[in-house]
Amino acid sequence: MIVCVCHRVSDRAIAAAVEDGCRTFEQLQLELGVATRCGACRTCARETFERHAGGCCAARGVAVQAPTGNAVAVVAA
């Protein structure tokens, strides 16, 4: 599914960026340009990022930046 029409960014591209080490929404914006032009995709892009980052990073025990800008520590089991 295309999340950002302006930059043709798909949910798969966001998932791949997270797998490649993207850990903050701001970093995702720099890497893919998502939610940097018209802004209509910001909510969907952030939700897609958080969904993928939560699953990916929790499995690795990596901290992910929450939408408020506060770090959220994830402890590996």
N, C-alpha and C. Protein backbone atom coordinates (compact mmCIF):
# COMPACT_ATOMS: atom_id res chain seq x y z
N MET A 1 0.84 -1.17 0.00
CA MET A 1 0.00 0.00 0.00
C MET A 1 0.90 1.24 0.00
N ILE A 2 0.55 2.23 -0.81
CA ILE A 2 1.29 3.49 -0.84
C ILE A 2 0.84 4.33 0.36
N VAL A 3 1.80 4.73 1.17
CA VAL A 3 1.53 5.55 2.35
C VAL A 3 1.72 7.02 2.00
N CYS A 4 2.81 7.35 1.35
CA CYS A 4 3.12 8.73 0.96
C CYS A 4 3.08 8.83 -0.56
N VAL A 5 2.03 9.50 -1.05
CA VAL A 5 1.86 9.66 -2.50
C VAL A 5 2.93 10.59 -3.07
N CYS A 6 3.25 11.65 -2.37
CA CYS A 6 4.21 12.64 -2.87
C CYS A 6 5.57 12.01 -3.19
N HIS A 7 6.01 11.08 -2.35
CA HIS A 7 7.32 10.46 -2.53
C HIS A 7 7.23 8.98 -2.90
N ARG A 8 6.01 8.51 -3.16
CA ARG A 8 5.76 7.12 -3.53
C ARG A 8 6.42 6.15 -2.55
N VAL A 9 6.12 6.31 -1.27
CA VAL A 9 6.66 5.46 -0.21
C VAL A 9 5.57 4.48 0.22
N SER A 10 5.89 3.20 0.19
CA SER A 10 4.93 2.17 0.56
C SER A 10 5.14 1.71 1.99
N ASP A 11 4.16 0.97 2.50
CA ASP A 11 4.32 0.38 3.83
C ASP A 11 5.48 -0.60 3.84
N ARG A 12 5.72 -1.26 2.73
CA ARG A 12 6.86 -2.19 2.64
C ARG A 12 8.19 -1.46 2.71
N ALA A 13 8.26 -0.28 2.12
CA ALA A 13 9.49 0.52 2.18
C ALA A 13 9.75 0.98 3.61
N ILE A 14 8.69 1.33 4.33
CA ILE A 14 8.84 1.73 5.74
C ILE A 14 9.32 0.54 6.56
N ALA A 15 8.72 -0.63 6.34
CA ALA A 15 9.14 -1.85 7.05
C ALA A 15 10.61 -2.17 6.75
N ALA A 16 11.01 -2.03 5.50
CA ALA A 16 12.40 -2.30 5.12
C ALA A 16 13.36 -1.32 5.79
N ALA A 17 12.97 -0.05 5.87
CA ALA A 17 13.81 0.95 6.53
C ALA A 17 14.01 0.60 8.00
N VAL A 18 12.94 0.15 8.66
CA VAL A 18 13.04 -0.25 10.07
C VAL A 18 13.98 -1.46 10.19
N GLU A 19 13.82 -2.41 9.31
CA GLU A 19 14.69 -3.59 9.33
C GLU A 19 16.16 -3.21 9.12
N ASP A 20 16.39 -2.16 8.34
CA ASP A 20 17.74 -1.70 8.05
C ASP A 20 18.32 -0.79 9.12
N GLY A 21 17.55 -0.54 10.21
CA GLY A 21 18.10 0.21 11.32
C GLY A 21 17.47 1.55 11.62
N CYS A 22 16.45 1.95 10.89
CA CYS A 22 15.78 3.21 11.17
C CYS A 22 15.05 3.10 12.51
N ARG A 23 15.35 4.00 13.46
CA ARG A 23 14.80 3.87 14.81
C ARG A 23 13.91 5.02 15.25
N THR A 24 13.85 6.11 14.47
CA THR A 24 12.97 7.22 14.82
C THR A 24 12.18 7.65 13.59
N PHE A 25 11.03 8.25 13.83
CA PHE A 25 10.22 8.75 12.72
C PHE A 25 10.96 9.84 11.97
N GLU A 26 11.70 10.66 12.68
CA GLU A 26 12.47 11.73 12.05
C GLU A 26 13.54 11.15 11.13
N GLN A 27 14.16 10.08 11.54
CA GLN A 27 15.15 9.41 10.70
C GLN A 27 14.47 8.84 9.46
N LEU A 28 13.28 8.28 9.63
CA LEU A 28 12.51 7.76 8.49
C LEU A 28 12.21 8.88 7.49
N GLN A 29 11.86 10.05 8.02
CA GLN A 29 11.59 11.19 7.15
C GLN A 29 12.83 11.58 6.34
N LEU A 30 13.98 11.58 6.98
CA LEU A 30 15.22 11.92 6.27
C LEU A 30 15.56 10.88 5.21
N GLU A 31 15.36 9.60 5.54
CA GLU A 31 15.73 8.53 4.62
C GLU A 31 14.77 8.37 3.45
N LEU A 32 13.46 8.48 3.71
CA LEU A 32 12.47 8.21 2.67
C LEU A 32 11.70 9.44 2.20
N GLY A 33 11.78 10.53 2.94
CA GLY A 33 11.05 11.74 2.58
C GLY A 33 9.58 11.69 2.95
N VAL A 34 9.16 10.64 3.64
CA VAL A 34 7.77 10.48 4.02
C VAL A 34 7.32 11.62 4.93
N ALA A 35 6.11 12.14 4.68
CA ALA A 35 5.50 13.21 5.50
C ALA A 35 6.33 14.48 5.53
N THR A 36 7.03 14.77 4.42
CA THR A 36 7.83 15.99 4.37
C THR A 36 7.35 16.98 3.32
N ARG A 37 6.37 16.60 2.53
CA ARG A 37 5.89 17.52 1.49
C ARG A 37 4.53 18.08 1.89
N CYS A 38 3.44 17.41 1.58
CA CYS A 38 2.11 17.97 1.87
C CYS A 38 1.64 17.62 3.29
N GLY A 39 2.17 16.56 3.86
CA GLY A 39 1.83 16.20 5.24
C GLY A 39 0.57 15.37 5.40
N ALA A 40 -0.15 15.08 4.32
CA ALA A 40 -1.40 14.33 4.43
C ALA A 40 -1.18 12.90 4.94
N CYS A 41 0.02 12.36 4.76
CA CYS A 41 0.29 10.98 5.15
C CYS A 41 0.89 10.85 6.55
N ARG A 42 1.11 11.96 7.24
CA ARG A 42 1.85 11.93 8.51
C ARG A 42 1.30 10.90 9.50
N THR A 43 0.00 10.90 9.73
CA THR A 43 -0.58 9.98 10.71
C THR A 43 -0.40 8.53 10.28
N CYS A 44 -0.74 8.24 9.04
CA CYS A 44 -0.61 6.87 8.54
C CYS A 44 0.86 6.42 8.53
N ALA A 45 1.75 7.32 8.11
CA ALA A 45 3.17 6.99 8.07
C ALA A 45 3.71 6.71 9.46
N ARG A 46 3.33 7.53 10.43
CA ARG A 46 3.80 7.35 11.80
C ARG A 46 3.26 6.03 12.37
N GLU A 47 1.98 5.76 12.14
CA GLU A 47 1.38 4.51 12.63
C GLU A 47 2.05 3.30 11.99
N THR A 48 2.33 3.39 10.70
CA THR A 48 3.00 2.29 10.00
C THR A 48 4.41 2.10 10.56
N PHE A 49 5.13 3.19 10.77
CA PHE A 49 6.47 3.12 11.34
C PHE A 49 6.43 2.48 12.73
N GLU A 50 5.53 2.94 13.58
CA GLU A 50 5.45 2.43 14.95
C GLU A 50 5.08 0.95 14.98
N ARG A 51 4.18 0.54 14.09
CA ARG A 51 3.79 -0.87 14.04
C ARG A 51 4.99 -1.75 13.70
N HIS A 52 5.77 -1.34 12.73
CA HIS A 52 6.94 -2.13 12.32
C HIS A 52 8.09 -1.99 13.31
N ALA A 53 8.31 -0.80 13.82
CA ALA A 53 9.42 -0.57 14.75
C ALA A 53 9.17 -1.29 16.07
N GLY A 54 7.95 -1.34 16.53
CA GLY A 54 7.63 -2.02 17.77
C GLY A 54 7.94 -3.50 17.71
N GLY A 55 7.53 -4.17 16.66
CA GLY A 55 7.76 -5.60 16.51
C GLY A 55 9.22 -5.92 16.26
N CYS A 56 9.86 -5.14 15.41
CA CYS A 56 11.25 -5.38 15.04
C CYS A 56 12.18 -5.13 16.23
N CYS A 57 12.00 -4.01 16.87
CA CYS A 57 12.92 -3.60 17.93
C CYS A 57 12.69 -4.36 19.22
N ALA A 58 11.46 -4.72 19.51
CA ALA A 58 11.19 -5.49 20.72
C ALA A 58 11.90 -6.84 20.65
N ALA A 59 11.95 -7.42 19.47
CA ALA A 59 12.60 -8.71 19.31
C ALA A 59 14.11 -8.60 19.50
N ARG A 60 14.67 -7.43 19.21
CA ARG A 60 16.11 -7.22 19.33
C ARG A 60 16.51 -6.55 20.63
N GLY A 61 15.53 -6.08 21.41
CA GLY A 61 15.85 -5.38 22.64
C GLY A 61 16.41 -4.00 22.40
N VAL A 62 15.93 -3.31 21.37
CA VAL A 62 16.42 -1.99 21.00
C VAL A 62 15.40 -0.95 21.41
N ALA A 63 15.87 0.20 21.87
CA ALA A 63 14.96 1.29 22.24
C ALA A 63 14.48 2.00 20.98
N VAL A 64 13.21 2.38 20.99
CA VAL A 64 12.60 3.10 19.87
C VAL A 64 12.06 4.41 20.40
N GLN A 65 12.16 5.45 19.61
CA GLN A 65 11.65 6.75 20.04
C GLN A 65 10.14 6.77 19.89
N ALA A 66 9.45 7.13 20.96
CA ALA A 66 8.00 7.23 20.95
C ALA A 66 7.57 8.48 20.22
N PRO A 67 6.28 8.57 19.81
CA PRO A 67 5.82 9.73 19.06
C PRO A 67 5.98 11.05 19.80
N THR A 68 6.03 11.02 21.10
CA THR A 68 6.18 12.25 21.88
C THR A 68 7.62 12.72 21.91
N GLY A 69 8.52 11.89 21.40
CA GLY A 69 9.93 12.25 21.42
C GLY A 69 10.68 11.65 22.60
N ASN A 70 9.96 10.96 23.47
CA ASN A 70 10.61 10.32 24.62
C ASN A 70 11.06 8.92 24.23
N ALA A 71 12.21 8.53 24.70
CA ALA A 71 12.72 7.19 24.39
C ALA A 71 11.93 6.17 25.20
N VAL A 72 11.67 5.05 24.58
CA VAL A 72 10.98 3.96 25.25
C VAL A 72 11.94 2.80 25.29
N ALA A 73 12.29 2.37 26.46
CA ALA A 73 13.24 1.27 26.61
C ALA A 73 12.50 -0.05 26.43
N VAL A 74 13.10 -0.95 25.65
CA VAL A 74 12.55 -2.27 25.45
C VAL A 74 13.57 -3.26 25.97
N VAL A 75 13.15 -4.11 26.86
CA VAL A 75 14.05 -5.08 27.47
C VAL A 75 13.88 -6.42 26.78
N ALA A 76 14.98 -6.98 26.31
CA ALA A 76 14.92 -8.29 25.66
C ALA A 76 14.66 -9.37 26.70
N ALA A 77 13.80 -10.30 26.33
CA ALA A 77 13.47 -11.39 27.26
C ALA A 77 14.49 -12.48 27.21
